[in-house]
Amino acid sequence: MSKFIQGLLFGCMLVISFATVHAAIVGDEDNTLFGEANDAPAAVSLPALDATNLVEAAPAAAVTNEVTLAQQIDVVRAMKTDDVVAAARQFRILGDLYVQANRMDEAARSYWQATRINPVNAGYLHYLGFALLALGDHTNGLEVYLELLARYPDARKALFNVAAAYYGLEEYEQAHRQLSQYVATARVEDPKAFYNMGLILMESGRPNEAISWLVRAQKRIPSNPFIPAALVRVYRETGSDELADHTQGLSEDRFGQEAFDRLLATPLLPAFLDR
């Protein structure tokens, strides 16, 4: 176990009473870590895949203006330090608000505090890992999710995000192995997994295999521009220039020529799973 994980999980255990640990031992209070990733309607979009907007879905009641954030910070600071379960949850809520405001660095710090206060809650560790991946810290994000998988081998989102982290680290064989396991054990089809699989196969030098996965993803999520951007690239790589031109033309008409051409010129990041 790395020093990063050791410090995270055990650095604050002494401040948590036995009663508190017993109450929180089930972890994952929102039941977000162990459920299927795609129980939501098929029309849901992939996250916008950049470091400032990587959230898949949001609590409907979340308000993200500066006044609300400032008020929430004041609430957290006013919490009694001996009420560790409640205090940790307040930091988790604050992290959610920062995610909604696309302030991922501050979200990561809030989830870090929640995890330090209540390290036995698996959900908090999951949120921290997600925020790290969203910030491009694939090394520490992978550490977090490997620890989660060691503790909870059936954690669906941890398995998915381990694959995404390996992709970010350019360890494509490992990414393919982990995502294949996720796809094989899923109860329902997950277009985000299809998209990620397409990216992994592209980077692994297997563009012909990537096409079918990306086509499946596009059929499920036709409104997301990142999937046709990946398809254009893989079509050109395989010499299917007519298909590439057709896909690019349709996408430029739909998403705007300048925006889509800019997307074609930038690296495509994988999807990550939050909630």
C-alpha atoms as a PDB file:
ATOM      1  CA  MET A   1       0.000   0.000   0.000  1.00  0.00           C
ATOM      2  CA  SER A   2       1.444   3.382  -0.964  1.00  0.00           C
ATOM      3  CA  LYS A   3       2.254   6.156   1.504  1.00  0.00           C
ATOM      4  CA  PHE A   4      -0.495   8.223  -0.156  1.00  0.00           C
ATOM      5  CA  ILE A   5      -3.168   5.661   0.658  1.00  0.00           C
ATOM      6  CA  GLN A   6      -1.704   4.876   4.077  1.00  0.00           C
ATOM      7  CA  GLY A   7      -1.809   8.524   5.060  1.00  0.00           C
ATOM      8  CA  LEU A   8      -5.304   8.945   3.683  1.00  0.00           C
ATOM      9  CA  LEU A   9      -6.922   5.919   5.279  1.00  0.00           C
ATOM     10  CA  PHE A  10      -5.165   5.722   8.625  1.00  0.00           C
ATOM     11  CA  GLY A  11      -3.928   9.211   9.442  1.00  0.00           C
ATOM     12  CA  CYS A  12      -7.118  10.227  11.237  1.00  0.00           C
ATOM     13  CA  MET A  13      -8.422   6.911  12.583  1.00  0.00           C
ATOM     14  CA  LEU A  14      -7.514   7.861  16.154  1.00  0.00           C
ATOM     15  CA  VAL A  15     -10.063  10.664  16.209  1.00  0.00           C
ATOM     16  CA  ILE A  16     -12.960   8.352  15.378  1.00  0.00           C
ATOM     17  CA  SER A  17     -14.671   6.604  18.229  1.00  0.00           C
ATOM     18  CA  PHE A  18     -15.643   2.930  18.081  1.00  0.00           C
ATOM     19  CA  ALA A  19     -19.314   3.887  18.050  1.00  0.00           C
ATOM     20  CA  THR A  20     -18.771   6.156  15.077  1.00  0.00           C
ATOM     21  CA  VAL A  21     -16.885   3.499  13.146  1.00  0.00           C
ATOM     22  CA  HIS A  22     -19.595   0.962  13.869  1.00  0.00           C
ATOM     23  CA  ALA A  23     -22.270   3.364  12.656  1.00  0.00           C
ATOM     24  CA  ALA A  24     -20.419   4.168   9.437  1.00  0.00           C
ATOM     25  CA  ILE A  25     -18.885   0.791   8.668  1.00  0.00           C
ATOM     26  CA  VAL A  26     -21.293   0.061   5.815  1.00  0.00           C
ATOM     27  CA  GLY A  27     -19.908   3.116   4.019  1.00  0.00           C
ATOM     28  CA  ASP A  28     -21.205   4.534   0.759  1.00  0.00           C
ATOM     29  CA  GLU A  29     -24.159   6.289   2.363  1.00  0.00           C
ATOM     30  CA  ASP A  30     -25.745   7.202  -0.981  1.00  0.00           C
ATOM     31  CA  ASN A  31     -25.339   3.686  -2.381  1.00  0.00           C
ATOM     32  CA  THR A  32     -23.530   5.091  -5.411  1.00  0.00           C
ATOM     33  CA  LEU A  33     -20.470   2.872  -5.460  1.00  0.00           C
ATOM     34  CA  PHE A  34     -22.027  -0.552  -5.831  1.00  0.00           C
ATOM     35  CA  GLY A  35     -24.982   0.036  -8.158  1.00  0.00           C
ATOM     36  CA  GLU A  36     -25.017  -0.396 -11.923  1.00  0.00           C
ATOM     37  CA  ALA A  37     -23.512   2.559 -13.711  1.00  0.00           C
ATOM     38  CA  ASN A  38     -26.199   2.789 -16.336  1.00  0.00           C
ATOM     39  CA  ASP A  39     -29.489   2.310 -14.559  1.00  0.00           C
ATOM     40  CA  ALA A  40     -30.306   5.832 -15.779  1.00  0.00           C
ATOM     41  CA  PRO A  41     -32.244   6.306 -19.048  1.00  0.00           C
ATOM     42  CA  ALA A  42     -30.262   5.518 -22.187  1.00  0.00           C
ATOM     43  CA  ALA A  43     -30.513   9.116 -23.411  1.00  0.00           C
ATOM     44  CA  VAL A  44     -28.226  10.450 -20.691  1.00  0.00           C
ATOM     45  CA  SER A  45     -25.152  12.168 -22.116  1.00  0.00           C
ATOM     46  CA  LEU A  46     -21.553  11.332 -21.459  1.00  0.00           C
ATOM     47  CA  PRO A  47     -19.774  13.855 -19.304  1.00  0.00           C
ATOM     48  CA  ALA A  48     -18.158  16.710 -21.162  1.00  0.00           C
ATOM     49  CA  LEU A  49     -14.693  15.264 -21.194  1.00  0.00           C
ATOM     50  CA  ASP A  50     -12.401  17.998 -19.951  1.00  0.00           C
ATOM     51  CA  ALA A  51     -10.924  18.918 -16.609  1.00  0.00           C
ATOM     52  CA  THR A  52     -13.564  21.535 -15.817  1.00  0.00           C
ATOM     53  CA  ASN A  53     -16.757  19.633 -16.541  1.00  0.00           C
ATOM     54  CA  LEU A  54     -16.517  15.946 -15.750  1.00  0.00           C
ATOM     55  CA  VAL A  55     -19.699  15.280 -13.832  1.00  0.00           C
ATOM     56  CA  GLU A  56     -22.130  12.720 -15.150  1.00  0.00           C
ATOM     57  CA  ALA A  57     -25.253  13.813 -13.327  1.00  0.00           C
ATOM     58  CA  ALA A  58     -26.149  16.237 -10.577  1.00  0.00           C
ATOM     59  CA  PRO A  59     -28.532  16.456  -7.622  1.00  0.00           C
ATOM     60  CA  ALA A  60     -31.527  18.372  -8.905  1.00  0.00           C
ATOM     61  CA  ALA A  61     -31.624  20.587  -5.843  1.00  0.00           C
ATOM     62  CA  ALA A  62     -27.993  21.664  -6.013  1.00  0.00           C
ATOM     63  CA  VAL A  63     -27.499  25.412  -6.221  1.00  0.00           C
ATOM     64  CA  THR A  64     -24.074  26.536  -7.405  1.00  0.00           C
ATOM     65  CA  ASN A  65     -23.913  30.307  -7.012  1.00  0.00           C
ATOM     66  CA  GLU A  66     -21.149  31.858  -4.920  1.00  0.00           C
ATOM     67  CA  VAL A  67     -23.467  32.858  -2.075  1.00  0.00           C
ATOM     68  CA  THR A  68     -24.620  29.281  -1.603  1.00  0.00           C
ATOM     69  CA  LEU A  69     -21.063  27.962  -1.688  1.00  0.00           C
ATOM     70  CA  ALA A  70     -19.927  30.548   0.841  1.00  0.00           C
ATOM     71  CA  GLN A  71     -22.843  29.717   3.125  1.00  0.00           C
ATOM     72  CA  GLN A  72     -22.079  26.012   2.878  1.00  0.00           C
ATOM     73  CA  ILE A  73     -18.441  26.630   3.767  1.00  0.00           C
ATOM     74  CA  ASP A  74     -19.576  28.552   6.854  1.00  0.00           C
ATOM     75  CA  VAL A  75     -21.840  25.654   7.849  1.00  0.00           C
ATOM     76  CA  VAL A  76     -18.966  23.190   7.570  1.00  0.00           C
ATOM     77  CA  ARG A  77     -16.623  25.385   9.584  1.00  0.00           C
ATOM     78  CA  ALA A  78     -19.247  25.756  12.306  1.00  0.00           C
ATOM     79  CA  MET A  79     -19.684  21.991  12.755  1.00  0.00           C
ATOM     80  CA  LYS A  80     -18.709  20.535  16.107  1.00  0.00           C
ATOM     81  CA  THR A  81     -15.498  18.574  15.663  1.00  0.00           C
ATOM     82  CA  ASP A  82     -16.734  15.659  17.752  1.00  0.00           C
ATOM     83  CA  ASP A  83     -19.639  14.997  15.395  1.00  0.00           C
ATOM     84  CA  VAL A  84     -17.415  13.298  12.841  1.00  0.00           C
ATOM     85  CA  VAL A  85     -20.076  11.506  10.804  1.00  0.00           C
ATOM     86  CA  ALA A  86     -22.083  14.691  10.284  1.00  0.00           C
ATOM     87  CA  ALA A  87     -18.970  16.766   9.659  1.00  0.00           C
ATOM     88  CA  ALA A  88     -17.697  14.335   7.028  1.00  0.00           C
ATOM     89  CA  ARG A  89     -21.045  14.375   5.286  1.00  0.00           C
ATOM     90  CA  GLN A  90     -21.005  18.176   5.202  1.00  0.00           C
ATOM     91  CA  PHE A  91     -17.644  18.100   3.452  1.00  0.00           C
ATOM     92  CA  ARG A  92     -19.058  15.565   0.984  1.00  0.00           C
ATOM     93  CA  ILE A  93     -22.016  17.869   0.264  1.00  0.00           C
ATOM     94  CA  LEU A  94     -19.618  20.774  -0.161  1.00  0.00           C
ATOM     95  CA  GLY A  95     -17.601  18.696  -2.621  1.00  0.00           C
ATOM     96  CA  ASP A  96     -20.772  17.998  -4.604  1.00  0.00           C
ATOM     97  CA  LEU A  97     -21.492  21.717  -4.801  1.00  0.00           C
ATOM     98  CA  TYR A  98     -17.983  22.415  -6.063  1.00  0.00           C
ATOM     99  CA  VAL A  99     -18.397  19.707  -8.711  1.00  0.00           C
ATOM    100  CA  GLN A 100     -21.607  21.396  -9.832  1.00  0.00           C
ATOM    101  CA  ALA A 101     -19.715  24.674 -10.075  1.00  0.00           C
ATOM    102  CA  ASN A 102     -16.975  22.961 -12.148  1.00  0.00           C
ATOM    103  CA  ARG A 103     -14.407  23.730  -9.431  1.00  0.00           C
ATOM    104  CA  MET A 104     -12.835  20.299  -9.326  1.00  0.00           C
ATOM    105  CA  ASP A 105      -9.717  21.235  -7.377  1.00  0.00           C
ATOM    106  CA  GLU A 106     -11.838  22.523  -4.496  1.00  0.00           C
ATOM    107  CA  ALA A 107     -14.136  19.508  -4.829  1.00  0.00           C
ATOM    108  CA  ALA A 108     -11.131  17.226  -4.436  1.00  0.00           C
ATOM    109  CA  ARG A 109     -10.034  19.071  -1.285  1.00  0.00           C
ATOM    110  CA  SER A 110     -13.530  18.773   0.188  1.00  0.00           C
ATOM    111  CA  TYR A 111     -13.768  15.048  -0.556  1.00  0.00           C
ATOM    112  CA  TRP A 112     -10.279  14.631   0.908  1.00  0.00           C
ATOM    113  CA  GLN A 113     -11.488  16.204   4.151  1.00  0.00           C
ATOM    114  CA  ALA A 114     -14.576  13.980   4.217  1.00  0.00           C
ATOM    115  CA  THR A 115     -12.397  10.911   3.723  1.00  0.00           C
ATOM    116  CA  ARG A 116      -9.869  11.952   6.366  1.00  0.00           C
ATOM    117  CA  ILE A 117     -12.621  12.533   8.927  1.00  0.00           C
ATOM    118  CA  ASN A 118     -14.479   9.297   8.147  1.00  0.00           C
ATOM    119  CA  PRO A 119     -12.106   6.960   6.267  1.00  0.00           C
ATOM    120  CA  VAL A 120     -14.347   3.904   6.590  1.00  0.00           C
ATOM    121  CA  ASN A 121     -16.981   5.391   4.261  1.00  0.00           C
ATOM    122  CA  ALA A 122     -16.260   3.901   0.848  1.00  0.00           C
ATOM    123  CA  GLY A 123     -18.438   6.457  -0.907  1.00  0.00           C
ATOM    124  CA  TYR A 124     -16.224   9.339   0.181  1.00  0.00           C
ATOM    125  CA  LEU A 125     -13.142   7.558  -1.114  1.00  0.00           C
ATOM    126  CA  HIS A 126     -14.944   7.010  -4.408  1.00  0.00           C
ATOM    127  CA  TYR A 127     -15.790  10.707  -4.729  1.00  0.00           C
ATOM    128  CA  LEU A 128     -12.170  11.630  -3.994  1.00  0.00           C
ATOM    129  CA  GLY A 129     -10.928   9.235  -6.645  1.00  0.00           C
ATOM    130  CA  PHE A 130     -13.353  10.648  -9.180  1.00  0.00           C
ATOM    131  CA  ALA A 131     -12.236  14.210  -8.470  1.00  0.00           C
ATOM    132  CA  LEU A 132      -8.565  13.240  -8.825  1.00  0.00           C
ATOM    133  CA  LEU A 133      -9.224  11.598 -12.192  1.00  0.00           C
ATOM    134  CA  ALA A 134     -11.216  14.622 -13.329  1.00  0.00           C
ATOM    135  CA  LEU A 135      -8.215  16.803 -12.500  1.00  0.00           C
ATOM    136  CA  GLY A 136      -5.935  14.547 -14.533  1.00  0.00           C
ATOM    137  CA  ASP A 137      -4.183  13.053 -11.481  1.00  0.00           C
ATOM    138  CA  HIS A 138      -4.437   9.505 -12.794  1.00  0.00           C
ATOM    139  CA  THR A 139      -1.658   8.185 -10.558  1.00  0.00           C
ATOM    140  CA  ASN A 140      -3.290   9.042  -7.230  1.00  0.00           C
ATOM    141  CA  GLY A 141      -6.766   8.444  -8.660  1.00  0.00           C
ATOM    142  CA  LEU A 142      -5.688   4.916  -9.557  1.00  0.00           C
ATOM    143  CA  GLU A 143      -4.273   4.406  -6.049  1.00  0.00           C
ATOM    144  CA  VAL A 144      -7.629   5.337  -4.546  1.00  0.00           C
ATOM    145  CA  TYR A 145      -9.634   3.035  -6.806  1.00  0.00           C
ATOM    146  CA  LEU A 146      -7.264   0.084  -6.435  1.00  0.00           C
ATOM    147  CA  GLU A 147      -7.664   0.421  -2.665  1.00  0.00           C
ATOM    148  CA  LEU A 148     -11.437   0.462  -3.102  1.00  0.00           C
ATOM    149  CA  LEU A 149     -11.342  -2.654  -5.278  1.00  0.00           C
ATOM    150  CA  ALA A 150      -9.150  -4.406  -2.718  1.00  0.00           C
ATOM    151  CA  ARG A 151     -11.762  -3.696  -0.066  1.00  0.00           C
ATOM    152  CA  TYR A 152     -14.851  -4.141  -2.261  1.00  0.00           C
ATOM    153  CA  PRO A 153     -14.150  -6.303  -5.355  1.00  0.00           C
ATOM    154  CA  ASP A 154     -17.736  -5.889  -6.581  1.00  0.00           C
ATOM    155  CA  ALA A 155     -17.667  -2.078  -6.612  1.00  0.00           C
ATOM    156  CA  ARG A 156     -18.906  -1.349 -10.116  1.00  0.00           C
ATOM    157  CA  LYS A 157     -17.797   2.260 -10.491  1.00  0.00           C
ATOM    158  CA  ALA A 158     -14.388   1.506  -9.012  1.00  0.00           C
ATOM    159  CA  LEU A 159     -13.798  -1.126 -11.685  1.00  0.00           C
ATOM    160  CA  PHE A 160     -14.848   1.300 -14.429  1.00  0.00           C
ATOM    161  CA  ASN A 161     -12.681   4.128 -13.120  1.00  0.00           C
ATOM    162  CA  VAL A 162      -9.647   1.884 -12.635  1.00  0.00           C
ATOM    163  CA  ALA A 163      -9.811   1.209 -16.371  1.00  0.00           C
ATOM    164  CA  ALA A 164     -10.118   4.940 -17.091  1.00  0.00           C
ATOM    165  CA  ALA A 165      -7.135   5.684 -14.850  1.00  0.00           C
ATOM    166  CA  TYR A 166      -4.993   3.084 -16.598  1.00  0.00           C
ATOM    167  CA  TYR A 167      -5.978   4.684 -19.912  1.00  0.00           C
ATOM    168  CA  GLY A 168      -4.849   8.070 -18.619  1.00  0.00           C
ATOM    169  CA  LEU A 169      -1.518   6.494 -17.635  1.00  0.00           C
ATOM    170  CA  GLU A 170      -1.217   4.950 -21.131  1.00  0.00           C
ATOM    171  CA  GLU A 171      -1.306   1.440 -19.700  1.00  0.00           C
ATOM    172  CA  TYR A 172      -3.722   0.253 -22.345  1.00  0.00           C
ATOM    173  CA  GLU A 173      -3.444  -3.494 -21.762  1.00  0.00           C
ATOM    174  CA  GLN A 174      -4.439  -3.053 -18.125  1.00  0.00           C
ATOM    175  CA  ALA A 175      -7.200  -0.622 -19.117  1.00  0.00           C
ATOM    176  CA  HIS A 176      -8.593  -3.129 -21.611  1.00  0.00           C
ATOM    177  CA  ARG A 177      -8.501  -5.963 -19.066  1.00  0.00           C
ATOM    178  CA  GLN A 178     -10.350  -3.985 -16.392  1.00  0.00           C
ATOM    179  CA  LEU A 179     -12.977  -2.543 -18.715  1.00  0.00           C
ATOM    180  CA  SER A 180     -13.595  -5.942 -20.318  1.00  0.00           C
ATOM    181  CA  GLN A 181     -14.355  -7.301 -16.868  1.00  0.00           C
ATOM    182  CA  TYR A 182     -16.746  -4.408 -16.240  1.00  0.00           C
ATOM    183  CA  VAL A 183     -18.592  -4.956 -19.537  1.00  0.00           C
ATOM    184  CA  ALA A 184     -18.769  -8.725 -19.063  1.00  0.00           C
ATOM    185  CA  THR A 185     -20.378  -8.449 -15.634  1.00  0.00           C
ATOM    186  CA  ALA A 186     -22.753  -5.528 -16.301  1.00  0.00           C
ATOM    187  CA  ARG A 187     -26.476  -6.169 -16.013  1.00  0.00           C
ATOM    188  CA  VAL A 188     -27.271  -3.541 -18.640  1.00  0.00           C
ATOM    189  CA  GLU A 189     -25.389  -2.106 -21.603  1.00  0.00           C
ATOM    190  CA  ASP A 190     -23.363   0.981 -20.760  1.00  0.00           C
ATOM    191  CA  PRO A 191     -22.599   3.308 -23.699  1.00  0.00           C
ATOM    192  CA  LYS A 192     -19.956   5.107 -21.656  1.00  0.00           C
ATOM    193  CA  ALA A 193     -18.099   1.797 -21.415  1.00  0.00           C
ATOM    194  CA  PHE A 194     -18.472   1.327 -25.188  1.00  0.00           C
ATOM    195  CA  TYR A 195     -16.946   4.749 -25.771  1.00  0.00           C
ATOM    196  CA  ASN A 196     -14.044   4.095 -23.400  1.00  0.00           C
ATOM    197  CA  MET A 197     -13.438   0.692 -24.975  1.00  0.00           C
ATOM    198  CA  GLY A 198     -13.237   2.353 -28.374  1.00  0.00           C
ATOM    199  CA  LEU A 199     -10.625   4.806 -27.101  1.00  0.00           C
ATOM    200  CA  ILE A 200      -8.584   2.043 -25.482  1.00  0.00           C
ATOM    201  CA  LEU A 201      -8.574  -0.061 -28.652  1.00  0.00           C
ATOM    202  CA  MET A 202      -7.627   2.972 -30.763  1.00  0.00           C
ATOM    203  CA  GLU A 203      -4.615   3.663 -28.583  1.00  0.00           C
ATOM    204  CA  SER A 204      -3.732  -0.028 -28.469  1.00  0.00           C
ATOM    205  CA  GLY A 205      -3.276  -0.130 -32.238  1.00  0.00           C
ATOM    206  CA  ARG A 206      -6.526  -2.013 -32.844  1.00  0.00           C
ATOM    207  CA  PRO A 207      -8.592   0.558 -34.775  1.00  0.00           C
ATOM    208  CA  ASN A 208     -10.759  -1.945 -36.631  1.00  0.00           C
ATOM    209  CA  GLU A 209     -11.998  -3.366 -33.334  1.00  0.00           C
ATOM    210  CA  ALA A 210     -12.538   0.147 -31.969  1.00  0.00           C
ATOM    211  CA  ILE A 211     -15.054   1.031 -34.691  1.00  0.00           C
ATOM    212  CA  SER A 212     -17.785  -1.377 -33.584  1.00  0.00           C
ATOM    213  CA  TRP A 213     -17.590  -0.179 -29.972  1.00  0.00           C
ATOM    214  CA  LEU A 214     -17.798   3.477 -30.950  1.00  0.00           C
ATOM    215  CA  VAL A 215     -20.703   2.827 -33.324  1.00  0.00           C
ATOM    216  CA  ARG A 216     -22.572   1.105 -30.483  1.00  0.00           C
ATOM    217  CA  ALA A 217     -21.875   4.081 -28.227  1.00  0.00           C
ATOM    218  CA  GLN A 218     -23.085   6.576 -30.836  1.00  0.00           C
ATOM    219  CA  LYS A 219     -26.350   4.693 -31.315  1.00  0.00           C
ATOM    220  CA  ARG A 220     -27.063   4.985 -27.604  1.00  0.00           C
ATOM    221  CA  ILE A 221     -25.830   8.570 -27.147  1.00  0.00           C
ATOM    222  CA  PRO A 222     -26.205  10.379 -30.492  1.00  0.00           C
ATOM    223  CA  SER A 223     -26.115  13.829 -28.891  1.00  0.00           C
ATOM    224  CA  ASN A 224     -22.517  13.688 -27.657  1.00  0.00           C
ATOM    225  CA  PRO A 225     -19.856  15.096 -30.038  1.00  0.00           C
ATOM    226  CA  PHE A 226     -16.922  13.187 -28.545  1.00  0.00           C
ATOM    227  CA  ILE A 227     -18.067   9.865 -29.967  1.00  0.00           C
ATOM    228  CA  PRO A 228     -18.191  10.978 -33.639  1.00  0.00           C
ATOM    229  CA  ALA A 229     -14.876  12.777 -33.093  1.00  0.00           C
ATOM    230  CA  ALA A 230     -13.367   9.441 -32.117  1.00  0.00           C
ATOM    231  CA  LEU A 231     -15.080   7.748 -35.061  1.00  0.00           C
ATOM    232  CA  VAL A 232     -13.667  10.275 -37.542  1.00  0.00           C
ATOM    233  CA  ARG A 233     -10.170   9.560 -36.266  1.00  0.00           C
ATOM    234  CA  VAL A 234     -10.523   5.798 -36.372  1.00  0.00           C
ATOM    235  CA  TYR A 235     -12.130   5.852 -39.823  1.00  0.00           C
ATOM    236  CA  ARG A 236      -9.183   7.829 -41.183  1.00  0.00           C
ATOM    237  CA  GLU A 237      -6.727   5.529 -39.468  1.00  0.00           C
ATOM    238  CA  THR A 238      -8.306   2.518 -41.158  1.00  0.00           C
ATOM    239  CA  GLY A 239      -8.466   4.192 -44.569  1.00  0.00           C
ATOM    240  CA  SER A 240     -12.253   4.675 -44.524  1.00  0.00           C
ATOM    241  CA  ASP A 241     -12.022   8.287 -45.669  1.00  0.00           C
ATOM    242  CA  GLU A 242     -15.528   8.361 -47.149  1.00  0.00           C
ATOM    243  CA  LEU A 243     -17.059   7.346 -43.821  1.00  0.00           C
ATOM    244  CA  ALA A 244     -14.805   9.832 -42.034  1.00  0.00           C
ATOM    245  CA  ASP A 245     -15.872  12.680 -44.340  1.00  0.00           C
ATOM    246  CA  HIS A 246     -19.542  11.766 -43.948  1.00  0.00           C
ATOM    247  CA  THR A 247     -19.348  11.562 -40.147  1.00  0.00           C
ATOM    248  CA  GLN A 248     -17.388  14.793 -39.931  1.00  0.00           C
ATOM    249  CA  GLY A 249     -19.805  16.662 -42.197  1.00  0.00           C
ATOM    250  CA  LEU A 250     -22.848  15.559 -40.209  1.00  0.00           C
ATOM    251  CA  SER A 251     -21.144  16.426 -36.931  1.00  0.00           C
ATOM    252  CA  GLU A 252     -20.035  19.869 -38.116  1.00  0.00           C
ATOM    253  CA  ASP A 253     -23.613  20.605 -39.148  1.00  0.00           C
ATOM    254  CA  ARG A 254     -24.937  19.421 -35.817  1.00  0.00           C
ATOM    255  CA  PHE A 255     -22.348  20.753 -33.375  1.00  0.00           C
ATOM    256  CA  GLY A 256     -20.834  23.640 -35.346  1.00  0.00           C
ATOM    257  CA  GLN A 257     -17.830  23.417 -37.651  1.00  0.00           C
ATOM    258  CA  GLU A 258     -15.433  25.405 -35.480  1.00  0.00           C
ATOM    259  CA  ALA A 259     -16.333  23.539 -32.286  1.00  0.00           C
ATOM    260  CA  PHE A 260     -16.144  20.103 -33.871  1.00  0.00           C
ATOM    261  CA  ASP A 261     -12.888  20.815 -35.720  1.00  0.00           C
ATOM    262  CA  ARG A 262     -11.396  22.012 -32.441  1.00  0.00           C
ATOM    263  CA  LEU A 263     -12.510  18.763 -30.841  1.00  0.00           C
ATOM    264  CA  LEU A 264     -10.790  16.774 -33.584  1.00  0.00           C
ATOM    265  CA  ALA A 265      -7.527  18.564 -32.807  1.00  0.00           C
ATOM    266  CA  THR A 266      -7.471  17.766 -29.079  1.00  0.00           C
ATOM    267  CA  PRO A 267      -6.837  14.494 -27.202  1.00  0.00           C
ATOM    268  CA  LEU A 268     -10.005  12.651 -26.292  1.00  0.00           C
ATOM    269  CA  LEU A 269     -10.333  11.807 -22.609  1.00  0.00           C
ATOM    270  CA  PRO A 270     -12.291   8.835 -21.303  1.00  0.00           C
ATOM    271  CA  ALA A 271     -15.524   9.088 -19.365  1.00  0.00           C
ATOM    272  CA  PHE A 272     -15.377   8.699 -15.591  1.00  0.00           C
ATOM    273  CA  LEU A 273     -18.229   7.550 -13.376  1.00  0.00           C
ATOM    274  CA  ASP A 274     -19.286   9.663 -10.419  1.00  0.00           C
ATOM    275  CA  ARG A 275     -22.893   8.892  -9.454  1.00  0.00           C
END
